[in-house]
Amino acid sequence: MSDSPNAADWVARHGKMPRLYVPAEFSAGTTVTLPEGPAKHVTRVLRMGEGAPLILFDGAGQEAGVQLAEVGRKHTTVTVEAVWSGSGESPLAVHLGPSDFQGRPHGLRHSKSR
C-alpha cells in the first residue's frame, strides 16, 4: 500500500468528492472497472466525466483515490492513483430518529369524533 498521499492529502488536492463502495483490490497504478451500480451512479446521476476524482473503499479498511479514466455506456473504469488504510466508516455523523410515516403532526394522529 502507498502511504503517500494519504486521505487528507488526496482531499486537500482534489476537494470534496463522492466516496463509493467498490468490492475490489486496490493497487496504485492499476485500472479498476466499476460495478454496474456505482458506474451508473457516477455517470448518470452525478454526471461526472473523465478525469473526475473519487474515493473508493472496499469495506475491509482499504481506500483508494482514483480518477475516472473511461466513461462509457457499457463500462466505466478508474485509474487508482493512491491507496491508504481507511477507517471503514464514513467520517460523517449519522443521527437517526423516529418519524410519523403518515405525514401528520403528532397531535393529530387520530381523527376527532364529534
PDB file of N, CA and C in Angstrom:
ATOM      1  N   MET A   1       0.832  -1.186   0.000  1.00  0.00           N
ATOM      2  CA  MET A   1       0.000   0.000   0.000  1.00  0.00           C
ATOM      3  C   MET A   1       0.866   1.234   0.000  1.00  0.00           C
ATOM      4  N   SER A   2       0.393   2.238  -0.673  1.00  0.00           N
ATOM      5  CA  SER A   2       1.114   3.501  -0.730  1.00  0.00           C
ATOM      6  C   SER A   2       0.601   4.422   0.364  1.00  0.00           C
ATOM      7  N   ASP A   3       1.521   4.980   1.144  1.00  0.00           N
ATOM      8  CA  ASP A   3       1.120   5.894   2.197  1.00  0.00           C
ATOM      9  C   ASP A   3       1.177   7.341   1.727  1.00  0.00           C
ATOM     10  N   SER A   4       1.576   7.580   0.500  1.00  0.00           N
ATOM     11  CA  SER A   4       1.700   8.933   0.017  1.00  0.00           C
ATOM     12  C   SER A   4       1.000   9.065  -1.323  1.00  0.00           C
ATOM     13  N   PRO A   5       0.012   9.873  -1.491  1.00  0.00           N
ATOM     14  CA  PRO A   5      -0.615  10.684  -0.462  1.00  0.00           C
ATOM     15  C   PRO A   5      -1.613   9.885   0.358  1.00  0.00           C
ATOM     16  N   ASN A   6      -1.968  10.417   1.525  1.00  0.00           N
ATOM     17  CA  ASN A   6      -2.984   9.776   2.348  1.00  0.00           C
ATOM     18  C   ASN A   6      -4.327  10.438   2.055  1.00  0.00           C
ATOM     19  N   ALA A   7      -5.354  10.042   2.790  1.00  0.00           N
ATOM     20  CA  ALA A   7      -6.704  10.555   2.539  1.00  0.00           C
ATOM     21  C   ALA A   7      -6.760  12.076   2.650  1.00  0.00           C
ATOM     22  N   ALA A   8      -6.128  12.640   3.678  1.00  0.00           N
ATOM     23  CA  ALA A   8      -6.167  14.088   3.873  1.00  0.00           C
ATOM     24  C   ALA A   8      -5.483  14.815   2.720  1.00  0.00           C
ATOM     25  N   ASP A   9      -4.360  14.278   2.246  1.00  0.00           N
ATOM     26  CA  ASP A   9      -3.655  14.884   1.115  1.00  0.00           C
ATOM     27  C   ASP A   9      -4.509  14.829  -0.149  1.00  0.00           C
ATOM     28  N   TRP A  10      -5.153  13.672  -0.365  1.00  0.00           N
ATOM     29  CA  TRP A  10      -5.973  13.482  -1.564  1.00  0.00           C
ATOM     30  C   TRP A  10      -7.147  14.471  -1.582  1.00  0.00           C
ATOM     31  N   VAL A  11      -7.829  14.606  -0.444  1.00  0.00           N
ATOM     32  CA  VAL A  11      -8.971  15.523  -0.351  1.00  0.00           C
ATOM     33  C   VAL A  11      -8.509  16.967  -0.461  1.00  0.00           C
ATOM     34  N   ALA A  12      -7.371  17.297   0.144  1.00  0.00           N
ATOM     35  CA  ALA A  12      -6.851  18.668   0.059  1.00  0.00           C
ATOM     36  C   ALA A  12      -6.522  19.036  -1.387  1.00  0.00           C
ATOM     37  N   ARG A  13      -6.019  18.083  -2.135  1.00  0.00           N
ATOM     38  CA  ARG A  13      -5.632  18.342  -3.522  1.00  0.00           C
ATOM     39  C   ARG A  13      -6.829  18.392  -4.466  1.00  0.00           C
ATOM     40  N   HIS A  14      -7.853  17.550  -4.219  1.00  0.00           N
ATOM     41  CA  HIS A  14      -8.969  17.429  -5.163  1.00  0.00           C
ATOM     42  C   HIS A  14     -10.284  18.005  -4.667  1.00  0.00           C
ATOM     43  N   GLY A  15     -10.367  18.373  -3.405  1.00  0.00           N
ATOM     44  CA  GLY A  15     -11.608  18.918  -2.867  1.00  0.00           C
ATOM     45  C   GLY A  15     -12.614  17.824  -2.519  1.00  0.00           C
ATOM     46  N   LYS A  16     -13.824  18.262  -2.236  1.00  0.00           N
ATOM     47  CA  LYS A  16     -14.885  17.338  -1.849  1.00  0.00           C
ATOM     48  C   LYS A  16     -15.281  16.472  -3.046  1.00  0.00           C
ATOM     49  N   MET A  17     -15.449  15.177  -2.790  1.00  0.00           N
ATOM     50  CA  MET A  17     -15.791  14.259  -3.878  1.00  0.00           C
ATOM     51  C   MET A  17     -16.581  13.076  -3.336  1.00  0.00           C
ATOM     52  N   PRO A  18     -17.269  12.357  -4.202  1.00  0.00           N
ATOM     53  CA  PRO A  18     -18.024  11.182  -3.752  1.00  0.00           C
ATOM     54  C   PRO A  18     -17.103  10.083  -3.232  1.00  0.00           C
ATOM     55  N   ARG A  19     -17.635   9.308  -2.301  1.00  0.00           N
ATOM     56  CA  ARG A  19     -16.947   8.157  -1.719  1.00  0.00           C
ATOM     57  C   ARG A  19     -17.846   6.956  -1.971  1.00  0.00           C
ATOM     58  N   LEU A  20     -17.360   5.974  -2.713  1.00  0.00           N
ATOM     59  CA  LEU A  20     -18.181   4.857  -3.159  1.00  0.00           C
ATOM     60  C   LEU A  20     -17.625   3.516  -2.697  1.00  0.00           C
ATOM     61  N   TYR A  21     -18.532   2.593  -2.397  1.00  0.00           N
ATOM     62  CA  TYR A  21     -18.148   1.221  -2.055  1.00  0.00           C
ATOM     63  C   TYR A  21     -17.954   0.425  -3.335  1.00  0.00           C
ATOM     64  N   VAL A  22     -16.767  -0.127  -3.497  1.00  0.00           N
ATOM     65  CA  VAL A  22     -16.448  -0.989  -4.635  1.00  0.00           C
ATOM     66  C   VAL A  22     -15.656  -2.165  -4.091  1.00  0.00           C
ATOM     67  N   PRO A  23     -16.230  -3.376  -4.116  1.00  0.00           N
ATOM     68  CA  PRO A  23     -15.526  -4.550  -3.587  1.00  0.00           C
ATOM     69  C   PRO A  23     -14.437  -5.016  -4.556  1.00  0.00           C
ATOM     70  N   ALA A  24     -13.269  -4.410  -4.455  1.00  0.00           N
ATOM     71  CA  ALA A  24     -12.156  -4.745  -5.348  1.00  0.00           C
ATOM     72  C   ALA A  24     -10.846  -4.563  -4.609  1.00  0.00           C
ATOM     73  N   GLU A  25      -9.794  -5.131  -5.174  1.00  0.00           N
ATOM     74  CA  GLU A  25      -8.447  -4.931  -4.649  1.00  0.00           C
ATOM     75  C   GLU A  25      -7.897  -3.663  -5.284  1.00  0.00           C
ATOM     76  N   PHE A  26      -7.323  -2.779  -4.450  1.00  0.00           N
ATOM     77  CA  PHE A  26      -6.775  -1.526  -4.944  1.00  0.00           C
ATOM     78  C   PHE A  26      -5.257  -1.577  -4.901  1.00  0.00           C
ATOM     79  N   SER A  27      -4.645  -1.170  -5.990  1.00  0.00           N
ATOM     80  CA  SER A  27      -3.197  -1.091  -6.073  1.00  0.00           C
ATOM     81  C   SER A  27      -2.856   0.117  -6.947  1.00  0.00           C
ATOM     82  N   ALA A  28      -1.987   0.976  -6.440  1.00  0.00           N
ATOM     83  CA  ALA A  28      -1.646   2.206  -7.162  1.00  0.00           C
ATOM     84  C   ALA A  28      -1.145   1.887  -8.562  1.00  0.00           C
ATOM     85  N   GLY A  29      -1.653   2.646  -9.534  1.00  0.00           N
ATOM     86  CA  GLY A  29      -1.235   2.483 -10.919  1.00  0.00           C
ATOM     87  C   GLY A  29      -2.084   1.519 -11.727  1.00  0.00           C
ATOM     88  N   THR A  30      -3.026   0.834 -11.085  1.00  0.00           N
ATOM     89  CA  THR A  30      -3.859  -0.122 -11.803  1.00  0.00           C
ATOM     90  C   THR A  30      -5.168   0.517 -12.246  1.00  0.00           C
ATOM     91  N   THR A  31      -5.860  -0.189 -13.112  1.00  0.00           N
ATOM     92  CA  THR A  31      -7.167   0.235 -13.586  1.00  0.00           C
ATOM     93  C   THR A  31      -8.214  -0.705 -13.022  1.00  0.00           C
ATOM     94  N   VAL A  32      -9.325  -0.142 -12.532  1.00  0.00           N
ATOM     95  CA  VAL A  32     -10.419  -0.927 -11.960  1.00  0.00           C
ATOM     96  C   VAL A  32     -11.690  -0.596 -12.734  1.00  0.00           C
ATOM     97  N   THR A  33     -12.425  -1.635 -13.127  1.00  0.00           N
ATOM     98  CA  THR A  33     -13.721  -1.440 -13.767  1.00  0.00           C
ATOM     99  C   THR A  33     -14.771  -1.378 -12.671  1.00  0.00           C
ATOM    100  N   LEU A  34     -15.560  -0.300 -12.661  1.00  0.00           N
ATOM    101  CA  LEU A  34     -16.588  -0.144 -11.636  1.00  0.00           C
ATOM    102  C   LEU A  34     -17.748  -1.088 -11.891  1.00  0.00           C
ATOM    103  N   PRO A  35     -18.324  -1.656 -10.820  1.00  0.00           N
ATOM    104  CA  PRO A  35     -19.529  -2.468 -10.979  1.00  0.00           C
ATOM    105  C   PRO A  35     -20.675  -1.611 -11.525  1.00  0.00           C
ATOM    106  N   GLU A  36     -21.711  -2.252 -12.030  1.00  0.00           N
ATOM    107  CA  GLU A  36     -22.810  -1.551 -12.699  1.00  0.00           C
ATOM    108  C   GLU A  36     -23.457  -0.469 -11.837  1.00  0.00           C
ATOM    109  N   GLY A  37     -23.751  -0.762 -10.568  1.00  0.00           N
ATOM    110  CA  GLY A  37     -24.417   0.213  -9.702  1.00  0.00           C
ATOM    111  C   GLY A  37     -23.621   1.488  -9.496  1.00  0.00           C
ATOM    112  N   PRO A  38     -22.391   1.396  -8.987  1.00  0.00           N
ATOM    113  CA  PRO A  38     -21.585   2.607  -8.822  1.00  0.00           C
ATOM    114  C   PRO A  38     -21.297   3.320 -10.143  1.00  0.00           C
ATOM    115  N   ALA A  39     -21.121   2.553 -11.221  1.00  0.00           N
ATOM    116  CA  ALA A  39     -20.841   3.164 -12.523  1.00  0.00           C
ATOM    117  C   ALA A  39     -22.021   4.018 -12.983  1.00  0.00           C
ATOM    118  N   LYS A  40     -23.228   3.490 -12.850  1.00  0.00           N
ATOM    119  CA  LYS A  40     -24.417   4.259 -13.246  1.00  0.00           C
ATOM    120  C   LYS A  40     -24.584   5.490 -12.357  1.00  0.00           C
ATOM    121  N   HIS A  41     -24.316   5.341 -11.066  1.00  0.00           N
ATOM    122  CA  HIS A  41     -24.457   6.476 -10.154  1.00  0.00           C
ATOM    123  C   HIS A  41     -23.493   7.597 -10.529  1.00  0.00           C
ATOM    124  N   VAL A  42     -22.257   7.239 -10.794  1.00  0.00           N
ATOM    125  CA  VAL A  42     -21.234   8.237 -11.121  1.00  0.00           C
ATOM    126  C   VAL A  42     -21.518   8.908 -12.461  1.00  0.00           C
ATOM    127  N   THR A  43     -21.918   8.123 -13.463  1.00  0.00           N
ATOM    128  CA  THR A  43     -22.061   8.677 -14.814  1.00  0.00           C
ATOM    129  C   THR A  43     -23.438   9.276 -15.090  1.00  0.00           C
ATOM    130  N   ARG A  44     -24.497   8.677 -14.560  1.00  0.00           N
ATOM    131  CA  ARG A  44     -25.840   9.154 -14.906  1.00  0.00           C
ATOM    132  C   ARG A  44     -26.455  10.060 -13.844  1.00  0.00           C
ATOM    133  N   VAL A  45     -26.201   9.761 -12.572  1.00  0.00           N
ATOM    134  CA  VAL A  45     -26.773  10.583 -11.504  1.00  0.00           C
ATOM    135  C   VAL A  45     -25.885  11.797 -11.229  1.00  0.00           C
ATOM    136  N   LEU A  46     -24.615  11.549 -10.965  1.00  0.00           N
ATOM    137  CA  LEU A  46     -23.684  12.644 -10.675  1.00  0.00           C
ATOM    138  C   LEU A  46     -23.150  13.324 -11.933  1.00  0.00           C
ATOM    139  N   ARG A  47     -23.277  12.651 -13.073  1.00  0.00           N
ATOM    140  CA  ARG A  47     -22.832  13.169 -14.374  1.00  0.00           C
ATOM    141  C   ARG A  47     -21.365  13.589 -14.372  1.00  0.00           C
ATOM    142  N   MET A  48     -20.539  12.726 -13.808  1.00  0.00           N
ATOM    143  CA  MET A  48     -19.104  13.007 -13.771  1.00  0.00           C
ATOM    144  C   MET A  48     -18.463  12.515 -15.061  1.00  0.00           C
ATOM    145  N   GLY A  49     -17.417  13.194 -15.482  1.00  0.00           N
ATOM    146  CA  GLY A  49     -16.726  12.838 -16.709  1.00  0.00           C
ATOM    147  C   GLY A  49     -15.314  12.360 -16.446  1.00  0.00           C
ATOM    148  N   GLU A  50     -14.635  12.039 -17.523  1.00  0.00           N
ATOM    149  CA  GLU A  50     -13.257  11.549 -17.432  1.00  0.00           C
ATOM    150  C   GLU A  50     -12.379  12.561 -16.701  1.00  0.00           C
ATOM    151  N   GLY A  51     -11.523  12.047 -15.818  1.00  0.00           N
ATOM    152  CA  GLY A  51     -10.622  12.893 -15.042  1.00  0.00           C
ATOM    153  C   GLY A  51     -11.167  13.310 -13.696  1.00  0.00           C
ATOM    154  N   ALA A  52     -12.455  13.046 -13.443  1.00  0.00           N
ATOM    155  CA  ALA A  52     -13.055  13.435 -12.162  1.00  0.00           C
ATOM    156  C   ALA A  52     -12.515  12.549 -11.035  1.00  0.00           C
ATOM    157  N   PRO A  53     -12.194  13.139  -9.879  1.00  0.00           N
ATOM    158  CA  PRO A  53     -11.663  12.351  -8.761  1.00  0.00           C
ATOM    159  C   PRO A  53     -12.772  11.718  -7.929  1.00  0.00           C
ATOM    160  N   LEU A  54     -12.476  10.554  -7.364  1.00  0.00           N
ATOM    161  CA  LEU A  54     -13.378   9.821  -6.479  1.00  0.00           C
ATOM    162  C   LEU A  54     -12.550   9.182  -5.379  1.00  0.00           C
ATOM    163  N   ILE A  55     -13.229   8.772  -4.328  1.00  0.00           N
ATOM    164  CA  ILE A  55     -12.613   7.905  -3.323  1.00  0.00           C
ATOM    165  C   ILE A  55     -13.411   6.620  -3.311  1.00  0.00           C
ATOM    166  N   LEU A  56     -12.730   5.497  -3.447  1.00  0.00           N
ATOM    167  CA  LEU A  56     -13.363   4.185  -3.377  1.00  0.00           C
ATOM    168  C   LEU A  56     -12.939   3.519  -2.081  1.00  0.00           C
ATOM    169  N   PHE A  57     -13.844   2.721  -1.496  1.00  0.00           N
ATOM    170  CA  PHE A  57     -13.475   1.920  -0.334  1.00  0.00           C
ATOM    171  C   PHE A  57     -14.016   0.517  -0.523  1.00  0.00           C
ATOM    172  N   ASP A  58     -13.313  -0.458   0.063  1.00  0.00           N
ATOM    173  CA  ASP A  58     -13.677  -1.858  -0.147  1.00  0.00           C
ATOM    174  C   ASP A  58     -14.453  -2.482   1.006  1.00  0.00           C
ATOM    175  N   GLY A  59     -14.697  -1.739   2.064  1.00  0.00           N
ATOM    176  CA  GLY A  59     -15.429  -2.265   3.209  1.00  0.00           C
ATOM    177  C   GLY A  59     -14.572  -3.075   4.158  1.00  0.00           C
ATOM    178  N   ALA A  60     -13.317  -3.286   3.811  1.00  0.00           N
ATOM    179  CA  ALA A  60     -12.408  -4.061   4.649  1.00  0.00           C
ATOM    180  C   ALA A  60     -11.267  -3.195   5.185  1.00  0.00           C
ATOM    181  N   GLY A  61     -11.426  -1.874   5.085  1.00  0.00           N
ATOM    182  CA  GLY A  61     -10.417  -0.985   5.642  1.00  0.00           C
ATOM    183  C   GLY A  61      -9.447  -0.390   4.651  1.00  0.00           C
ATOM    184  N   GLN A  62      -9.645  -0.617   3.367  1.00  0.00           N
ATOM    185  CA  GLN A  62      -8.748  -0.061   2.366  1.00  0.00           C
ATOM    186  C   GLN A  62      -9.505   0.978   1.543  1.00  0.00           C
ATOM    187  N   GLU A  63      -8.859   2.112   1.272  1.00  0.00           N
ATOM    188  CA  GLU A  63      -9.439   3.168   0.466  1.00  0.00           C
ATOM    189  C   GLU A  63      -8.475   3.530  -0.650  1.00  0.00           C
ATOM    190  N   ALA A  64      -9.038   4.091  -1.721  1.00  0.00           N
ATOM    191  CA  ALA A  64      -8.200   4.480  -2.854  1.00  0.00           C
ATOM    192  C   ALA A  64      -8.681   5.798  -3.436  1.00  0.00           C
ATOM    193  N   GLY A  65      -7.729   6.659  -3.763  1.00  0.00           N
ATOM    194  CA  GLY A  65      -8.012   7.874  -4.506  1.00  0.00           C
ATOM    195  C   GLY A  65      -7.874   7.538  -5.978  1.00  0.00           C
ATOM    196  N   VAL A  66      -8.944   7.738  -6.735  1.00  0.00           N
ATOM    197  CA  VAL A  66      -8.958   7.359  -8.152  1.00  0.00           C
ATOM    198  C   VAL A  66      -9.456   8.513  -9.006  1.00  0.00           C
ATOM    199  N   GLN A  67      -9.197   8.398 -10.308  1.00  0.00           N
ATOM    200  CA  GLN A  67      -9.760   9.327 -11.272  1.00  0.00           C
ATOM    201  C   GLN A  67     -10.442   8.519 -12.368  1.00  0.00           C
ATOM    202  N   LEU A  68     -11.584   9.034 -12.835  1.00  0.00           N
ATOM    203  CA  LEU A  68     -12.303   8.361 -13.915  1.00  0.00           C
ATOM    204  C   LEU A  68     -11.421   8.346 -15.153  1.00  0.00           C
ATOM    205  N   ALA A  69     -11.201   7.161 -15.697  1.00  0.00           N
ATOM    206  CA  ALA A  69     -10.333   7.024 -16.862  1.00  0.00           C
ATOM    207  C   ALA A  69     -11.156   6.904 -18.139  1.00  0.00           C
ATOM    208  N   GLU A  70     -12.201   6.080 -18.103  1.00  0.00           N
ATOM    209  CA  GLU A  70     -13.033   5.868 -19.284  1.00  0.00           C
ATOM    210  C   GLU A  70     -14.488   5.818 -18.849  1.00  0.00           C
ATOM    211  N   VAL A  71     -15.309   6.645 -19.453  1.00  0.00           N
ATOM    212  CA  VAL A  71     -16.723   6.692 -19.125  1.00  0.00           C
ATOM    213  C   VAL A  71     -17.491   6.302 -20.383  1.00  0.00           C
ATOM    214  N   GLY A  72     -18.229   5.205 -20.284  1.00  0.00           N
ATOM    215  CA  GLY A  72     -18.995   4.744 -21.435  1.00  0.00           C
ATOM    216  C   GLY A  72     -20.308   4.124 -21.009  1.00  0.00           C
ATOM    217  N   ARG A  73     -21.151   3.799 -21.996  1.00  0.00           N
ATOM    218  CA  ARG A  73     -22.446   3.185 -21.691  1.00  0.00           C
ATOM    219  C   ARG A  73     -22.282   1.755 -21.169  1.00  0.00           C
ATOM    220  N   LYS A  74     -21.313   1.045 -21.668  1.00  0.00           N
ATOM    221  CA  LYS A  74     -21.133  -0.362 -21.296  1.00  0.00           C
ATOM    222  C   LYS A  74     -20.302  -0.552 -20.029  1.00  0.00           C
ATOM    223  N   HIS A  75     -19.290   0.271 -19.851  1.00  0.00           N
ATOM    224  CA  HIS A  75     -18.464   0.146 -18.645  1.00  0.00           C
ATOM    225  C   HIS A  75     -17.755   1.464 -18.336  1.00  0.00           C
ATOM    226  N   THR A  76     -17.370   1.583 -17.065  1.00  0.00           N
ATOM    227  CA  THR A  76     -16.657   2.759 -16.579  1.00  0.00           C
ATOM    228  C   THR A  76     -15.433   2.278 -15.822  1.00  0.00           C
ATOM    229  N   THR A  77     -14.281   2.833 -16.142  1.00  0.00           N
ATOM    230  CA  THR A  77     -13.053   2.439 -15.470  1.00  0.00           C
ATOM    231  C   THR A  77     -12.439   3.632 -14.758  1.00  0.00           C
ATOM    232  N   VAL A  78     -11.680   3.320 -13.708  1.00  0.00           N
ATOM    233  CA  VAL A  78     -10.956   4.337 -12.960  1.00  0.00           C
ATOM    234  C   VAL A  78      -9.495   3.931 -12.863  1.00  0.00           C
ATOM    235  N   THR A  79      -8.631   4.919 -12.725  1.00  0.00           N
ATOM    236  CA  THR A  79      -7.208   4.672 -12.507  1.00  0.00           C
ATOM    237  C   THR A  79      -6.912   4.958 -11.047  1.00  0.00           C
ATOM    238  N   VAL A  80      -6.338   3.969 -10.374  1.00  0.00           N
ATOM    239  CA  VAL A  80      -6.004   4.111  -8.953  1.00  0.00           C
ATOM    240  C   VAL A  80      -4.703   4.892  -8.849  1.00  0.00           C
ATOM    241  N   GLU A  81      -4.769   6.038  -8.162  1.00  0.00           N
ATOM    242  CA  GLU A  81      -3.589   6.878  -8.014  1.00  0.00           C
ATOM    243  C   GLU A  81      -2.941   6.770  -6.644  1.00  0.00           C
ATOM    244  N   ALA A  82      -3.739   6.481  -5.622  1.00  0.00           N
ATOM    245  CA  ALA A  82      -3.196   6.363  -4.267  1.00  0.00           C
ATOM    246  C   ALA A  82      -4.050   5.388  -3.468  1.00  0.00           C
ATOM    247  N   VAL A  83      -3.410   4.650  -2.585  1.00  0.00           N
ATOM    248  CA  VAL A  83      -4.100   3.684  -1.727  1.00  0.00           C
ATOM    249  C   VAL A  83      -3.652   3.925  -0.295  1.00  0.00           C
ATOM    250  N   TRP A  84      -4.614   3.887   0.644  1.00  0.00           N
ATOM    251  CA  TRP A  84      -4.298   4.077   2.051  1.00  0.00           C
ATOM    252  C   TRP A  84      -5.249   3.261   2.910  1.00  0.00           C
ATOM    253  N   SER A  85      -4.865   3.080   4.155  1.00  0.00           N
ATOM    254  CA  SER A  85      -5.735   2.406   5.117  1.00  0.00           C
ATOM    255  C   SER A  85      -6.819   3.384   5.528  1.00  0.00           C
ATOM    256  N   GLY A  86      -8.042   2.917   5.449  1.00  0.00           N
ATOM    257  CA  GLY A  86      -9.173   3.765   5.809  1.00  0.00           C
ATOM    258  C   GLY A  86      -9.798   3.310   7.106  1.00  0.00           C
ATOM    259  N   SER A  87     -10.770   4.074   7.556  1.00  0.00           N
ATOM    260  CA  SER A  87     -11.443   3.733   8.799  1.00  0.00           C
ATOM    261  C   SER A  87     -12.537   2.700   8.575  1.00  0.00           C
ATOM    262  N   GLY A  88     -12.954   2.521   7.313  1.00  0.00           N
ATOM    263  CA  GLY A  88     -14.034   1.591   7.027  1.00  0.00           C
ATOM    264  C   GLY A  88     -15.405   2.211   7.244  1.00  0.00           C
ATOM    265  N   GLU A  89     -15.436   3.418   7.784  1.00  0.00           N
ATOM    266  CA  GLU A  89     -16.692   4.098   8.031  1.00  0.00           C
ATOM    267  C   GLU A  89     -16.627   5.505   7.461  1.00  0.00           C
ATOM    268  N   SER A  90     -17.779   6.040   7.153  1.00  0.00           N
ATOM    269  CA  SER A  90     -17.858   7.409   6.669  1.00  0.00           C
ATOM    270  C   SER A  90     -17.477   8.368   7.788  1.00  0.00           C
ATOM    271  N   PRO A  91     -16.801   9.456   7.464  1.00  0.00           N
ATOM    272  CA  PRO A  91     -16.457  10.434   8.501  1.00  0.00           C
ATOM    273  C   PRO A  91     -17.657  11.274   8.940  1.00  0.00           C
ATOM    274  N   LEU A  92     -18.790  11.114   8.283  1.00  0.00           N
ATOM    275  CA  LEU A  92     -19.984  11.887   8.620  1.00  0.00           C
ATOM    276  C   LEU A  92     -20.722  11.267   9.796  1.00  0.00           C
ATOM    277  N   ALA A  93     -21.209  12.103  10.702  1.00  0.00           N
ATOM    278  CA  ALA A  93     -22.014  11.627  11.820  1.00  0.00           C
ATOM    279  C   ALA A  93     -23.440  11.393  11.325  1.00  0.00           C
ATOM    280  N   VAL A  94     -24.016  10.270  11.701  1.00  0.00           N
ATOM    281  CA  VAL A  94     -25.373   9.935  11.284  1.00  0.00           C
ATOM    282  C   VAL A  94     -26.252   9.863  12.517  1.00  0.00           C
ATOM    283  N   HIS A  95     -27.368  10.572  12.469  1.00  0.00           N
ATOM    284  CA  HIS A  95     -28.330  10.568  13.566  1.00  0.00           C
ATOM    285  C   HIS A  95     -29.668  10.072  13.029  1.00  0.00           C
ATOM    286  N   LEU A  96     -30.208   9.055  13.649  1.00  0.00           N
ATOM    287  CA  LEU A  96     -31.490   8.507  13.235  1.00  0.00           C
ATOM    288  C   LEU A  96     -32.543   8.873  14.261  1.00  0.00           C
ATOM    289  N   GLY A  97     -33.745   9.129  13.793  1.00  0.00           N
ATOM    290  CA  GLY A  97     -34.842   9.467  14.687  1.00  0.00           C
ATOM    291  C   GLY A  97     -36.141   8.896  14.167  1.00  0.00           C
ATOM    292  N   PRO A  98     -37.119   8.746  15.048  1.00  0.00           N
ATOM    293  CA  PRO A  98     -38.401   8.194  14.619  1.00  0.00           C
ATOM    294  C   PRO A  98     -39.137   9.200  13.733  1.00  0.00           C
ATOM    295  N   SER A  99     -40.008   8.676  12.912  1.00  0.00           N
ATOM    296  CA  SER A  99     -40.769   9.525  12.014  1.00  0.00           C
ATOM    297  C   SER A  99     -42.199   9.030  11.937  1.00  0.00           C
ATOM    298  N   ASP A 100     -43.124   9.949  11.768  1.00  0.00           N
ATOM    299  CA  ASP A 100     -44.526   9.604  11.560  1.00  0.00           C
ATOM    300  C   ASP A 100     -44.713   9.469  10.054  1.00  0.00           C
ATOM    301  N   PHE A 101     -44.786   8.233   9.578  1.00  0.00           N
ATOM    302  CA  PHE A 101     -44.832   7.992   8.148  1.00  0.00           C
ATOM    303  C   PHE A 101     -46.125   8.464   7.487  1.00  0.00           C
ATOM    304  N   GLN A 102     -47.145   8.777   8.278  1.00  0.00           N
ATOM    305  CA  GLN A 102     -48.400   9.214   7.682  1.00  0.00           C
ATOM    306  C   GLN A 102     -48.384  10.703   7.386  1.00  0.00           C
ATOM    307  N   GLY A 103     -47.359  11.395   7.818  1.00  0.00           N
ATOM    308  CA  GLY A 103     -47.199  12.792   7.478  1.00  0.00           C
ATOM    309  C   GLY A 103     -48.073  13.747   8.270  1.00  0.00           C
ATOM    310  N   ARG A 104     -48.613  13.306   9.380  1.00  0.00           N
ATOM    311  CA  ARG A 104     -49.456  14.182  10.198  1.00  0.00           C
ATOM    312  C   ARG A 104     -48.693  14.572  11.451  1.00  0.00           C
ATOM    313  N   PRO A 105     -48.984  15.750  11.988  1.00  0.00           N
ATOM    314  CA  PRO A 105     -48.368  16.125  13.267  1.00  0.00           C
ATOM    315  C   PRO A 105     -48.783  15.143  14.361  1.00  0.00           C
ATOM    316  N   HIS A 106     -47.949  14.981  15.361  1.00  0.00           N
ATOM    317  CA  HIS A 106     -48.212  14.009  16.423  1.00  0.00           C
ATOM    318  C   HIS A 106     -49.538  14.243  17.136  1.00  0.00           C
ATOM    319  N   GLY A 107     -49.966  15.475  17.291  1.00  0.00           N
ATOM    320  CA  GLY A 107     -51.201  15.771  17.995  1.00  0.00           C
ATOM    321  C   GLY A 107     -52.448  15.412  17.198  1.00  0.00           C
ATOM    322  N   LEU A 108     -52.307  15.170  15.916  1.00  0.00           N
ATOM    323  CA  LEU A 108     -53.466  14.888  15.074  1.00  0.00           C
ATOM    324  C   LEU A 108     -53.426  13.476  14.493  1.00  0.00           C
ATOM    325  N   ARG A 109     -52.915  12.534  15.250  1.00  0.00           N
ATOM    326  CA  ARG A 109     -52.817  11.168  14.743  1.00  0.00           C
ATOM    327  C   ARG A 109     -54.174  10.536  14.493  1.00  0.00           C
ATOM    328  N   HIS A 110     -55.116  10.802  15.338  1.00  0.00           N
ATOM    329  CA  HIS A 110     -56.427  10.177  15.199  1.00  0.00           C
ATOM    330  C   HIS A 110     -57.454  11.272  14.925  1.00  0.00           C
ATOM    331  N   SER A 111     -58.375  10.980  14.060  1.00  0.00           N
ATOM    332  CA  SER A 111     -59.400  11.988  13.761  1.00  0.00           C
ATOM    333  C   SER A 111     -60.313  12.126  14.970  1.00  0.00           C
ATOM    334  N   LYS A 112     -60.738  13.327  15.233  1.00  0.00           N
ATOM    335  CA  LYS A 112     -61.602  13.600  16.379  1.00  0.00           C
ATOM    336  C   LYS A 112     -63.037  13.276  16.002  1.00  0.00           C
ATOM    337  N   SER A 113     -63.723  12.626  16.909  1.00  0.00           N
ATOM    338  CA  SER A 113     -65.136  12.346  16.653  1.00  0.00           C
ATOM    339  C   SER A 113     -65.972  13.463  17.260  1.00  0.00           C
ATOM    340  N   ARG A 114     -67.113  13.775  16.671  1.00  0.00           N
ATOM    341  CA  ARG A 114     -67.957  14.869  17.167  1.00  0.00           C
ATOM    342  C   ARG A 114     -69.052  14.365  18.021  1.00  0.00           C
TER     343      ARG A 114
END
